[in-house]
Protein backbone atom coordinates (compact mmCIF):
# COMPACT_ATOMS: atom_id res chain seq x y z
CA MET A 1 50.11 -15.43 6.62
CA LYS A 2 48.54 -12.32 5.02
CA ARG A 3 44.83 -13.38 5.08
CA LYS A 4 42.86 -10.40 5.73
CA PHE A 5 38.93 -9.84 5.45
CA PHE A 6 37.27 -6.83 4.39
CA PHE A 7 34.03 -5.65 4.71
CA ALA A 8 31.26 -3.05 2.70
CA SER A 9 31.74 -0.03 5.00
CA LEU A 10 32.84 1.46 7.98
CA MET A 11 30.08 1.50 10.58
CA LEU A 12 30.29 1.42 14.61
CA MET A 13 30.75 3.18 18.41
CA GLY A 14 30.29 2.52 22.21
CA ALA A 15 29.14 2.64 25.46
CA SER A 16 30.45 2.63 29.40
CA LEU A 17 33.87 0.65 29.13
CA VAL A 18 34.55 -2.19 31.15
CA ALA A 19 37.80 -3.01 33.32
CA ASN A 20 37.94 -6.66 31.78
CA ALA A 21 40.07 -6.24 28.74
CA GLN A 22 43.68 -8.05 28.46
CA GLY A 23 45.56 -4.63 27.91
CA TYR A 24 48.42 -5.01 25.42
CA LYS A 25 47.69 -8.75 25.20
CA ASP A 26 45.13 -7.88 23.02
CA GLY A 27 47.37 -6.19 21.02
CA ILE A 28 49.48 -9.39 20.84
CA GLU A 29 46.70 -11.24 19.31
CA TYR A 30 46.17 -9.26 16.90
CA TYR A 31 49.69 -9.23 15.25
CA LYS A 32 49.48 -13.22 15.54
CA VAL A 33 46.30 -12.99 13.11
CA ASP A 34 47.78 -10.30 10.72
CA LYS A 35 46.15 -7.37 11.87
CA LEU A 36 49.09 -5.27 12.26
CA ASP A 37 47.59 -1.96 12.52
CA ASN A 38 44.90 -3.08 15.14
CA ALA A 39 48.08 -4.55 16.82
CA LYS A 40 50.35 -1.58 16.91
CA GLU A 41 47.26 0.66 18.46
CA LEU A 42 46.72 -1.45 20.91
CA LEU A 43 50.19 -1.66 21.99
CA GLU A 44 51.09 1.56 21.98
CA ARG A 45 47.86 2.55 23.73
CA ASN A 46 48.61 0.05 26.44
CA LEU A 47 52.21 0.62 26.54
CA ASN A 48 52.54 2.60 29.73
CA SER A 49 49.85 0.60 31.69
CA ALA A 50 50.87 -0.85 34.87
CA ASN A 51 50.72 -4.25 33.66
CA THR A 52 52.32 -4.51 30.39
CA ASP A 53 55.48 -6.09 29.73
CA LYS A 54 57.51 -3.72 27.76
CA ALA A 55 60.18 -6.27 26.70
CA VAL A 56 57.20 -8.23 25.21
CA ALA A 57 55.41 -5.51 24.09
CA PHE A 58 58.52 -3.62 22.39
CA TYR A 59 59.37 -7.09 20.74
CA TYR A 60 55.86 -7.12 19.07
CA LEU A 61 56.46 -3.20 18.21
CA GLY A 62 59.36 -4.05 16.31
CA GLN A 63 57.97 -7.30 14.29
CA ILE A 64 55.17 -4.80 13.24
CA ALA A 65 57.54 -2.41 11.85
CA LEU A 66 59.83 -4.75 10.30
CA HIS A 67 56.68 -6.74 8.71
CA GLN A 68 55.36 -3.06 7.29
CA GLY A 69 59.10 -2.64 6.09
CA ASN A 70 60.49 0.06 8.79
CA VAL A 71 63.66 -1.44 9.23
CA ALA A 72 65.09 1.44 11.32
CA GLU A 73 61.73 1.49 13.56
CA ALA A 74 62.15 -2.44 14.46
CA ALA A 75 65.47 -1.74 15.59
CA ALA A 76 64.89 1.10 17.92
CA ASN A 77 61.99 -1.46 19.32
CA PHE A 78 64.01 -4.48 19.77
CA GLU A 79 66.56 -2.17 21.18
CA LYS A 80 64.13 -0.62 23.72
CA GLY A 81 62.99 -4.51 24.64
CA ILE A 82 66.25 -5.44 25.69
CA ALA A 83 66.75 -2.03 27.69
CA ALA A 84 63.43 -3.32 29.39
CA ASN A 85 64.77 -6.48 30.02
CA ALA A 86 67.63 -8.00 28.99
CA ALA A 87 66.65 -11.42 29.74
CA ASN A 88 63.84 -11.59 27.87
CA PRO A 89 65.12 -13.71 24.97
CA TYR A 90 62.42 -12.53 21.73
CA ASN A 91 63.96 -9.48 21.35
CA TYR A 92 67.30 -11.03 20.08
CA VAL A 93 65.16 -13.09 18.02
CA GLY A 94 63.72 -9.41 16.34
CA GLN A 95 67.90 -8.36 15.78
CA ALA A 96 68.39 -11.63 14.14
CA ALA A 97 65.41 -11.40 11.85
CA ILE A 98 66.61 -8.40 10.85
CA ALA A 99 70.06 -9.52 10.28
CA LEU A 100 68.35 -12.54 8.20
CA LYS A 101 66.29 -10.10 5.80
CA ASN A 102 70.20 -8.56 5.20
CA ARG A 103 71.86 -12.16 5.05
CA GLY A 104 73.72 -11.22 8.09
CA GLU A 105 74.98 -13.38 10.75
CA VAL A 106 72.54 -14.59 13.16
CA LYS A 107 74.00 -17.48 15.28
CA THR A 108 75.17 -15.31 18.08
CA LEU A 109 71.97 -14.01 18.69
CA LEU A 110 69.88 -17.15 18.37
CA GLU A 111 72.49 -18.74 20.94
CA LYS A 112 72.08 -16.27 23.42
CA ALA A 113 68.20 -16.19 23.00
CA ARG A 114 67.90 -19.87 23.42
CA LYS A 115 70.37 -19.95 26.52
CA LEU A 116 68.04 -17.42 28.00
CA SER A 117 65.05 -19.86 27.82
CA LYS A 118 66.46 -23.39 27.30
CA LYS A 119 64.06 -26.10 24.99
CA ASP A 120 61.50 -23.49 24.74
CA ALA A 121 58.75 -24.44 21.80
CA LYS A 122 57.34 -21.23 21.28
CA LEU A 123 60.59 -19.10 21.21
CA GLU A 124 61.84 -21.97 18.72
CA MET A 125 58.84 -21.48 16.44
CA GLU A 126 59.40 -17.43 16.94
CA ILE A 127 62.98 -18.37 15.53
CA ALA A 128 61.28 -20.66 12.69
CA ARG A 129 59.24 -17.38 11.60
CA ALA A 130 62.32 -15.22 11.49
CA PHE A 131 63.80 -17.89 8.98
CA TYR A 132 60.63 -18.08 7.03
CA ASP A 133 59.84 -14.47 6.73
CA ALA A 134 63.29 -13.81 5.80
CA ASP A 135 63.20 -16.35 2.82
CA PRO A 136 61.29 -19.66 3.17
CA VAL A 137 63.75 -21.70 0.48
CA ALA A 138 67.18 -20.41 1.67
CA TYR A 139 66.42 -21.46 4.99
CA ALA A 140 64.05 -24.47 4.43
CA LYS A 141 66.67 -26.75 6.47
CA ASP A 142 66.50 -24.05 9.40
CA ILE A 143 62.92 -23.96 9.79
CA GLU A 144 62.87 -27.74 9.60
CA LYS A 145 64.90 -28.14 12.24
CA CYS A 146 63.17 -25.42 14.65
CA ILE A 147 59.90 -27.48 14.12
CA LYS A 148 61.50 -30.70 15.23
CA ASN A 149 63.20 -29.21 18.24
CA ALA A 150 59.62 -27.56 19.21
CA ARG A 151 58.02 -30.95 19.05
CA LYS A 152 60.14 -32.78 20.42
CA TRP A 153 60.88 -30.43 23.36
CA ASN A 154 56.86 -30.06 23.93
CA ALA A 155 54.57 -31.64 21.58
CA ASP A 156 51.01 -30.55 22.64
CA ASP A 157 52.09 -26.80 22.15
CA PRO A 158 50.32 -25.32 19.15
CA ASP A 159 52.64 -22.90 17.53
CA SER A 160 54.55 -25.44 15.23
CA TYR A 161 51.16 -26.50 14.12
CA ILE A 162 49.79 -22.92 13.72
CA PHE A 163 53.11 -22.14 11.92
CA GLU A 164 52.57 -25.13 9.44
CA ALA A 165 49.03 -24.29 8.90
CA ASP A 166 50.02 -20.76 8.25
CA THR A 167 52.44 -22.12 5.39
CA LYS A 168 49.69 -24.04 3.97
CA ALA A 169 46.82 -20.68 4.13
CA ASP A 170 50.28 -18.97 2.33
CA LYS A 171 49.97 -21.50 -0.80
CA ARG A 172 45.90 -21.27 -0.96
CA ASP A 173 46.00 -24.73 0.50
CA TRP A 174 42.83 -23.61 2.34
CA GLY A 175 41.47 -27.48 3.24
CA ASN A 176 44.80 -28.48 4.57
CA ALA A 177 45.60 -25.31 6.58
CA ALA A 178 42.00 -25.51 8.31
CA GLY A 179 42.62 -29.12 9.42
CA ILE A 180 45.87 -27.96 10.56
CA TYR A 181 44.70 -25.05 12.70
CA GLU A 182 41.79 -27.58 14.15
CA LEU A 183 44.69 -29.58 15.44
CA ALA A 184 46.21 -26.77 16.87
CA PHE A 185 43.56 -25.76 18.99
CA ASP A 186 42.37 -29.54 19.69
CA LYS A 187 46.18 -29.27 21.57
CA ASP A 188 45.71 -26.06 23.02
CA PRO A 189 41.40 -25.53 23.32
CA ASN A 190 41.98 -21.95 24.56
CA ASN A 191 44.44 -20.91 22.07
CA ILE A 192 42.95 -17.70 20.05
CA GLU A 193 45.43 -17.56 17.11
CA ALA A 194 44.19 -20.91 15.94
CA TYR A 195 40.47 -20.30 16.78
CA VAL A 196 40.56 -17.15 14.88
CA LYS A 197 43.09 -18.37 11.72
CA TYR A 198 40.73 -21.27 11.64
CA ALA A 199 37.44 -19.02 11.27
CA ASN A 200 39.19 -16.88 8.59
CA THR A 201 39.94 -19.58 6.95
CA TYR A 202 37.34 -21.63 6.62
CA PHE A 203 34.21 -18.98 6.64
CA ASN A 204 34.18 -18.75 2.96
CA VAL A 205 33.32 -22.81 2.98
CA ASN A 206 30.97 -22.82 5.83
CA PRO A 207 30.25 -19.94 7.62
CA GLU A 208 28.35 -21.47 10.10
CA MET A 209 31.03 -24.18 11.14
CA ALA A 210 33.58 -20.91 11.56
CA ILE A 211 30.78 -18.65 13.60
CA SER A 212 30.29 -21.89 16.06
CA ARG A 213 34.31 -22.29 16.54
CA LEU A 214 34.46 -18.32 17.67
CA GLU A 215 31.30 -18.77 19.96
CA GLU A 216 32.85 -21.57 21.48
CA LEU A 217 35.88 -19.58 21.89
CA GLN A 218 34.46 -16.75 23.11
CA ALA A 219 33.11 -18.96 26.33
CA LYS A 220 36.46 -19.70 27.10
CA VAL A 221 38.16 -16.28 26.54
CA PRO A 222 35.27 -14.00 27.12
CA GLN A 223 37.65 -11.13 28.04
CA SER A 224 39.60 -11.14 24.57
CA ALA A 225 38.46 -7.89 22.24
CA LEU A 226 39.97 -9.83 19.41
CA VAL A 227 37.37 -12.87 19.85
CA GLN A 228 34.72 -10.57 20.55
CA ARG A 229 35.44 -8.50 17.53
CA GLU A 230 35.86 -11.49 15.09
CA LEU A 231 32.79 -13.04 16.02
CA ALA A 232 30.91 -9.72 15.64
CA GLU A 233 32.21 -9.36 12.33
CA LYS A 234 31.44 -12.81 11.02
CA TYR A 235 27.93 -12.24 12.23
CA TYR A 236 27.88 -9.21 10.02
CA ALA A 237 29.32 -10.69 6.99
CA ASP A 238 26.96 -13.59 7.16
CA ASN A 239 24.06 -11.35 7.19
CA LEU A 240 22.88 -11.72 10.76
CA GLY A 241 22.45 -8.54 11.60
CA ALA A 242 20.49 -8.73 14.75
CA LYS A 243 23.51 -10.87 16.16
CA ALA A 244 26.23 -8.30 14.58
CA ALA A 245 24.43 -5.72 16.51
CA GLU A 246 24.45 -7.69 19.76
CA GLN A 247 27.86 -8.82 19.94
CA TYR A 248 28.96 -5.48 18.39
CA GLY A 249 26.97 -3.75 21.55
CA LYS A 250 29.08 -6.22 23.89
CA TYR A 251 32.68 -5.76 22.13
CA ILE A 252 32.68 -1.59 22.59
CA LYS A 253 32.28 -1.73 26.11
CA ASN A 254 35.66 -3.66 26.00
CA PRO A 255 38.49 -0.54 26.51
CA ASN A 256 40.85 -2.45 23.43
CA HIS A 257 38.02 -1.54 20.76
CA PHE A 258 38.50 0.64 17.77
CA ALA A 259 36.85 3.94 16.33
CA GLN A 260 35.86 2.22 13.67
CA ASP A 261 33.73 -0.41 15.13
CA GLU A 262 31.90 2.05 16.81
CA VAL A 263 30.82 3.51 13.57
CA ARG A 264 29.84 0.31 12.41
CA TYR A 265 27.91 -0.14 15.53
CA VAL A 266 25.96 3.12 14.49
CA GLN A 267 24.89 1.79 11.41
CA LEU A 268 24.00 -1.89 13.07
CA LEU A 269 21.64 -0.12 15.46
CA PHE A 270 19.74 1.92 12.46
CA PHE A 271 19.33 -1.24 10.49
CA GLY A 272 18.10 -2.85 13.51
CA GLU A 273 15.71 -0.03 13.78
CA LYS A 274 16.99 1.07 16.78
CA TYR A 275 16.81 4.78 15.44
CA GLN A 276 17.57 6.75 18.54
CA GLU A 277 20.19 4.87 20.00
CA SER A 278 22.05 4.92 16.64
CA LEU A 279 21.29 8.65 16.17
CA ASP A 280 22.68 9.32 20.10
CA LEU A 281 25.76 7.35 19.44
CA ALA A 282 26.48 8.65 15.77
CA THR A 283 26.02 12.75 17.93
CA SER A 284 28.31 11.38 20.74
CA LEU A 285 31.19 10.37 18.15
CA VAL A 286 30.58 13.88 15.79
CA ASN A 287 31.01 15.75 19.43
CA LYS A 288 33.97 13.36 20.21
CA LEU A 289 35.93 13.48 17.27
CA ASN A 290 38.37 15.80 15.67
CA PRO A 291 36.44 17.79 12.87
CA THR A 292 38.65 16.81 10.55
CA ASP A 293 38.03 12.89 10.92
CA ASP A 294 36.61 11.08 8.10
CA LYS A 295 34.42 9.52 10.19
CA VAL A 296 32.91 12.20 11.22
CA PHE A 297 30.99 12.61 7.55
CA TYR A 298 29.56 9.07 8.03
CA MET A 299 28.48 10.01 11.40
CA LYS A 300 26.70 13.45 9.95
CA ARG A 301 24.67 10.84 7.46
CA MET A 302 23.31 8.75 10.26
CA GLN A 303 22.37 11.52 12.17
CA LEU A 304 20.33 12.52 9.09
CA TYR A 305 19.24 9.31 8.49
CA ASN A 306 18.18 8.37 12.23
CA GLN A 307 16.33 12.00 12.38
CA VAL A 308 14.33 11.15 9.30
CA MET A 309 13.15 7.61 10.56
CA LEU A 310 12.13 9.49 13.67
CA LYS A 311 10.30 12.05 12.02
CA ASN A 312 11.98 14.60 13.50
CA TRP A 313 11.87 17.16 10.44
CA ASN A 314 13.28 20.33 11.63
CA GLU A 315 16.24 18.32 12.91
CA ALA A 316 16.50 16.38 10.03
CA VAL A 317 16.61 19.39 8.07
CA GLU A 318 19.62 20.58 10.30
CA ALA A 319 21.64 17.39 10.05
CA GLY A 320 21.30 17.56 6.10
CA ARG A 321 22.50 20.88 6.18
CA SER A 322 25.75 20.05 8.57
CA PHE A 323 25.87 16.65 6.81
CA PHE A 324 26.15 18.69 3.27
CA ALA A 325 28.44 21.23 4.69
CA ASN A 326 30.98 18.76 5.79
CA ALA A 327 33.89 17.84 3.60
CA VAL A 328 33.54 14.47 1.38
CA PRO A 329 36.64 12.33 2.57
CA LYS A 330 38.76 11.19 -0.34
CA GLY A 331 37.68 7.88 -1.90
CA SER A 332 33.61 8.65 -0.93
CA ASN A 333 30.58 10.30 -2.75
CA TYR A 334 27.15 11.24 -1.57
CA GLU A 335 24.75 8.33 -1.95
CA VAL A 336 21.36 8.45 -3.33
CA ARG A 337 19.64 8.01 -0.03
CA ASP A 338 21.70 11.29 1.34
CA TYR A 339 19.54 13.47 -1.06
CA THR A 340 16.26 11.67 -0.97
CA ASP A 341 16.00 11.66 3.07
CA PHE A 342 17.29 15.36 2.66
CA GLY A 343 14.77 16.01 0.27
CA GLU A 344 11.86 14.40 2.12
CA ALA A 345 12.90 16.31 5.39
CA LEU A 346 13.08 19.53 3.38
CA LYS A 347 9.80 19.19 1.68
CA THR A 348 7.62 18.08 4.81
CA ALA A 349 9.42 20.72 7.02
CA GLY A 350 8.25 23.51 4.22
CA TYR A 351 11.27 24.28 2.14
CA PRO A 352 9.68 22.76 -1.55
CA GLU A 353 11.98 24.23 -3.80
CA GLU A 354 14.95 22.59 -1.68
CA ALA A 355 13.76 19.72 -1.43
CA VAL A 356 13.40 19.65 -5.53
CA SER A 357 16.98 20.52 -5.77
CA ALA A 358 18.15 17.62 -3.17
CA TYR A 359 15.84 15.29 -5.03
CA GLU A 360 16.86 16.50 -8.67
CA LYS A 361 20.33 15.32 -7.30
CA ALA A 362 19.67 12.01 -6.18
CA LEU A 363 18.09 11.79 -10.21
CA GLN A 364 21.63 12.66 -11.24
CA LEU A 365 23.07 9.81 -9.66
CA ASN A 366 20.51 7.35 -10.34
CA PRO A 367 18.77 8.54 -13.41
CA ASN A 368 16.78 5.09 -14.19
CA ASN A 369 15.10 5.40 -10.61
CA ALA A 370 11.62 5.53 -11.28
CA ASP A 371 10.30 6.44 -8.14
CA LEU A 372 12.49 9.44 -8.06
CA MET A 373 11.17 10.62 -11.42
CA ARG A 374 7.44 10.22 -10.14
CA PHE A 375 8.48 12.23 -7.28
CA MET A 376 9.94 14.90 -9.26
CA GLY A 377 6.79 15.17 -11.57
CA GLU A 378 4.57 15.01 -8.37
CA SER A 379 6.64 17.93 -6.98
CA TYR A 380 6.92 20.16 -9.95
CA ALA A 381 2.87 19.23 -10.71
CA ASP A 382 2.38 20.48 -6.84
CA ALA A 383 3.73 23.94 -7.69
CA GLU A 384 1.59 23.71 -11.27
CA ASN A 385 4.83 23.71 -13.29
CA PHE A 386 3.43 21.14 -15.46
CA VAL A 387 5.62 21.83 -18.34
CA LYS A 388 8.87 20.01 -15.51
CA ALA A 389 6.16 17.52 -14.55
CA ALA A 390 5.48 16.07 -17.52
CA GLU A 391 9.01 16.12 -18.50
CA TYR A 392 10.07 13.77 -15.61
CA TYR A 393 7.15 11.45 -16.30
CA GLN A 394 8.06 11.55 -20.18
CA ARG A 395 11.23 10.48 -18.97
CA LEU A 396 9.56 7.65 -17.08
CA VAL A 397 7.80 6.38 -20.17
CA ASP A 398 10.70 6.65 -22.65
CA ALA A 399 12.78 4.67 -20.50
CA GLY A 400 10.04 1.79 -20.36
CA LEU A 401 9.99 1.99 -16.20
CA ASN A 402 6.34 2.78 -16.35
CA LYS A 403 2.91 1.55 -15.43
CA SER A 404 -0.37 2.09 -16.63
CA ASN A 405 -1.24 4.74 -13.82
CA ASP A 406 1.72 6.62 -14.92
CA LEU A 407 0.46 7.33 -18.44
CA PHE A 408 -2.63 8.56 -16.94
CA THR A 409 -0.38 11.10 -14.87
CA LEU A 410 1.58 12.12 -17.97
CA SER A 411 -1.87 12.95 -20.04
CA ASN A 412 -3.00 14.93 -16.62
CA TYR A 413 0.09 16.92 -16.81
CA TYR A 414 -0.46 17.52 -20.69
CA LEU A 415 -3.64 18.63 -19.65
CA GLY A 416 -2.73 20.63 -17.43
CA ILE A 417 0.13 22.58 -20.07
CA ALA A 418 -2.52 22.94 -22.24
CA ASN A 419 -4.61 25.07 -19.54
CA ASN A 420 -2.29 27.24 -18.57
CA GLU A 421 -3.32 30.76 -19.03
CA GLY A 422 -1.37 32.35 -21.59
CA VAL A 423 -0.10 29.07 -23.58
CA ASP A 424 -0.13 29.86 -27.27
CA GLU A 425 -2.10 27.86 -29.67
CA MET A 426 0.82 25.37 -31.27
CA THR A 427 2.13 24.56 -27.52
CA LYS A 428 -1.78 24.02 -26.26
CA ALA A 429 -2.22 21.64 -29.41
CA ASP A 430 0.71 19.42 -29.13
CA ALA A 431 0.03 19.03 -25.19
CA LEU A 432 -3.56 17.88 -26.04
CA ALA A 433 -2.39 15.52 -28.41
CA LYS A 434 0.03 14.06 -26.10
CA SER A 435 -2.49 14.05 -23.41
CA GLN A 436 -5.05 12.22 -25.70
CA LYS A 437 -2.42 9.81 -26.74
CA TYR A 438 -1.24 8.62 -23.23
CA ILE A 439 -5.12 8.28 -22.15
CA ASP A 440 -6.21 6.37 -25.38
CA GLU A 441 -3.15 4.32 -24.49
CA VAL A 442 -4.06 3.72 -20.94
CA ASP A 443 -8.08 3.30 -22.07
CA LYS A 444 -6.83 0.10 -23.89
CA LEU A 445 -5.00 -1.03 -20.98
CA VAL A 446 -7.76 -0.32 -18.40
CA PRO A 447 -11.10 -0.15 -20.58
CA GLY A 448 -14.16 1.17 -18.47
CA ASN A 449 -12.22 2.87 -15.93
CA VAL A 450 -14.42 6.23 -14.55
CA GLN A 451 -11.54 8.35 -14.26
CA ILE A 452 -9.72 7.41 -17.70
CA VAL A 453 -13.41 8.01 -19.14
CA ASN A 454 -13.88 11.10 -17.65
CA GLN A 455 -10.35 12.24 -18.46
CA LYS A 456 -11.11 12.00 -22.18
CA ALA A 457 -14.32 14.05 -21.78
CA LYS A 458 -12.01 16.27 -20.22
CA ILE A 459 -9.78 16.88 -22.69
CA ALA A 460 -12.37 16.72 -25.53
CA LYS A 461 -13.67 20.03 -23.54
CA VAL A 462 -10.53 21.93 -23.14
CA ARG A 463 -10.15 21.10 -27.02
CA GLU A 464 -13.45 22.58 -27.87
CA GLY A 465 -12.72 25.58 -25.52
CA ASP A 466 -15.98 28.09 -25.21
CA ASN A 467 -17.38 27.18 -28.25
CA ASN A 468 -19.90 23.96 -26.99
CA THR A 469 -19.63 22.03 -30.26
CA GLY A 470 -20.27 18.99 -28.33
CA ALA A 471 -16.89 17.55 -28.64
CA ALA A 472 -16.73 15.94 -25.07
CA LEU A 473 -20.25 14.82 -25.75
CA ALA A 474 -19.48 11.13 -26.72
CA ALA A 475 -17.07 10.86 -23.69
CA TYR A 476 -19.38 12.32 -21.33
CA ASN A 477 -22.16 9.39 -22.41
CA GLU A 478 -19.62 6.83 -22.11
CA LEU A 479 -19.11 8.12 -18.57
CA LEU A 480 -22.70 8.20 -17.62
CA SER A 481 -23.47 4.58 -18.82
CA ILE A 482 -20.30 3.30 -16.82
CA LEU A 483 -21.30 5.47 -13.69
CA ASP A 484 -25.38 4.02 -14.30
CA ALA A 485 -24.07 0.42 -13.80
CA LYS A 486 -22.21 1.09 -10.33
CA GLU A 487 -24.20 0.06 -7.42
CA ASP A 488 -22.57 3.01 -4.97
CA LYS A 489 -23.44 5.66 -7.52
CA ALA A 490 -23.70 8.16 -4.49
CA ASP A 491 -19.46 7.20 -4.60
CA TYR A 492 -19.15 8.92 -7.94
CA ALA A 493 -21.25 11.81 -7.39
CA ARG A 494 -18.46 14.49 -8.77
CA TYR A 495 -18.50 12.32 -11.54
CA TYR A 496 -21.97 12.79 -12.36
CA LYS A 497 -22.04 16.41 -11.83
CA TYR A 498 -19.17 16.90 -14.49
CA ALA A 499 -21.19 15.07 -16.66
CA TYR A 500 -24.61 16.40 -16.19
CA ASN A 501 -22.78 19.88 -16.11
CA TYR A 502 -21.60 19.60 -19.23
CA LEU A 503 -24.54 18.09 -20.95
CA ALA A 504 -27.17 20.88 -19.45
CA THR A 505 -24.82 23.48 -20.92
CA TYR A 506 -24.37 21.93 -24.05
CA TYR A 507 -28.16 21.57 -24.98
CA PHE A 508 -29.17 24.98 -23.32
CA THR A 509 -26.53 26.79 -25.36
CA LYS A 510 -28.28 24.79 -28.32
CA GLY A 511 -31.69 25.84 -27.34
CA ASP A 512 -33.22 22.94 -26.07
CA LYS A 513 -34.15 23.87 -22.79
CA ALA A 514 -36.24 21.33 -21.95
CA THR A 515 -33.49 18.88 -22.39
CA ALA A 516 -31.10 21.17 -20.23
CA LYS A 517 -33.68 21.19 -17.35
CA THR A 518 -33.59 17.68 -17.30
CA TYR A 519 -30.03 17.76 -17.13
CA TYR A 520 -29.63 20.58 -14.38
CA GLN A 521 -32.21 18.41 -12.47
CA LYS A 522 -30.24 15.77 -12.62
CA TRP A 523 -26.98 17.21 -11.79
CA LEU A 524 -28.76 18.89 -8.77
CA GLU A 525 -30.05 15.39 -7.21
CA TYR A 526 -25.82 14.87 -6.74
CA ASP A 527 -25.44 18.24 -5.68
CA PRO A 528 -28.56 19.03 -3.08
CA GLU A 529 -26.89 21.69 -1.38
CA ASN A 530 -26.21 23.88 -4.32
CA GLU A 531 -28.76 26.56 -3.53
CA SER A 532 -27.78 28.69 -6.76
CA LEU A 533 -28.20 25.71 -9.11
CA ARG A 534 -31.57 25.03 -7.65
CA ASN A 535 -32.80 28.44 -7.84
CA TYR A 536 -31.67 28.30 -11.58
CA VAL A 537 -33.30 25.43 -12.14
CA ASN A 538 -36.76 26.69 -11.00
CA SER A 539 -36.57 29.81 -12.60
CA LEU A 540 -36.14 27.78 -15.89
CA LYS A 541 -39.71 27.98 -17.87
């Protein structure tokens, strides 16, 4: 059966290895649950180990090749298995499986296999699988006979029940498949294949039950790399991040773990806020892997993310430069966070122009990201480029993604444009009109706000220029009425100074020095350290 479960992305790697793995037997377990590439890697990795039964290992390598459509490789592996141990019956079953696919004669091969291990229920079910894989309809009677033989010879052997459950799963009859897998591991409480297939079949229906079964199994066979990994991935798929990270931490100490698991572990450590551990492991992988390995790209990304979270800004900049210099693997792309993290590092480390460029690329990937629009506007405003600052905040407002405070900020940026030296009158008038428009809008939303009314006064003041026409009188008087109602007036000293400064200057230019002096004196009350102002007030008659 071909039940495969995929998870969103690559991510994990490991610590010191322990010597409690099962060697080539882990590869067999991976084969039995249809993880053929993993099975092949482990079988080949352990092929020359002293504890490896080469006849068995070559049989499963042959079956993997056969399932992957490489008949010549399968035949060669079965021959190697026979050469390693001619008394092992399984490689003759493998040769029969090839013959069956070609509608060839298999009687002699199967008789030889059965004579080498008489009334063997497990061997009989391997024969049943050979018939099933070749043609389950054409060989239905042969398959049925194999099942009857296996149960007659050993009614408690789980393999015939696992096979029956597999056939149900192939028909997407998940409920019956799960029930028969459960029957199989009831007959053999340590049967890894039955437990794992049950968990994979039942996970989408009842993840808690599936995970519980795997936890039971791990307690019985703690050395199995497959069980360790399956449990870790079920935790991961069920959003149990802390448990997944802990389980992967145990699993990657097994010599029979895979590099992609180490990659996932880096990510789990990161999301578990273990940034230094995640960084150390990612760095170890970058140094260990072939530079052309796609996993290097992902690990360099994690180096950047971790350095940012650790607030190692210079190191984060270096990590970001290395990450963006790395080739992007086929099928992958940069993500918004790649640019925003790099931008944050660049900005904090003192590279503002590069930071803006990074954030612009992030915004290209996610053009409706309000936070990015705000950041871009603020970045340009910091550089006193109010044209660009207003452009990004205008996008924010036009997209309807703004908050009331964004209207105030946009008004302020348009006022910044109007205040620029050398701006032509048409541009200035347009900027002032827009500044007024947005401050009026926010004033309706938040009436009586000190900052908003002060902004209204500033706009009027810029509009009148040096003419002192009193265009801002109404706004500053409104501001003073709001301020006078405050209990903590001292906290608003700067706003009092703005208002009294304008009013004193206005009345002075109009020749009303008495009124002007009154306002200068009020200004001085909120600016008592201003000796120049004090001397000027004392000079007034």
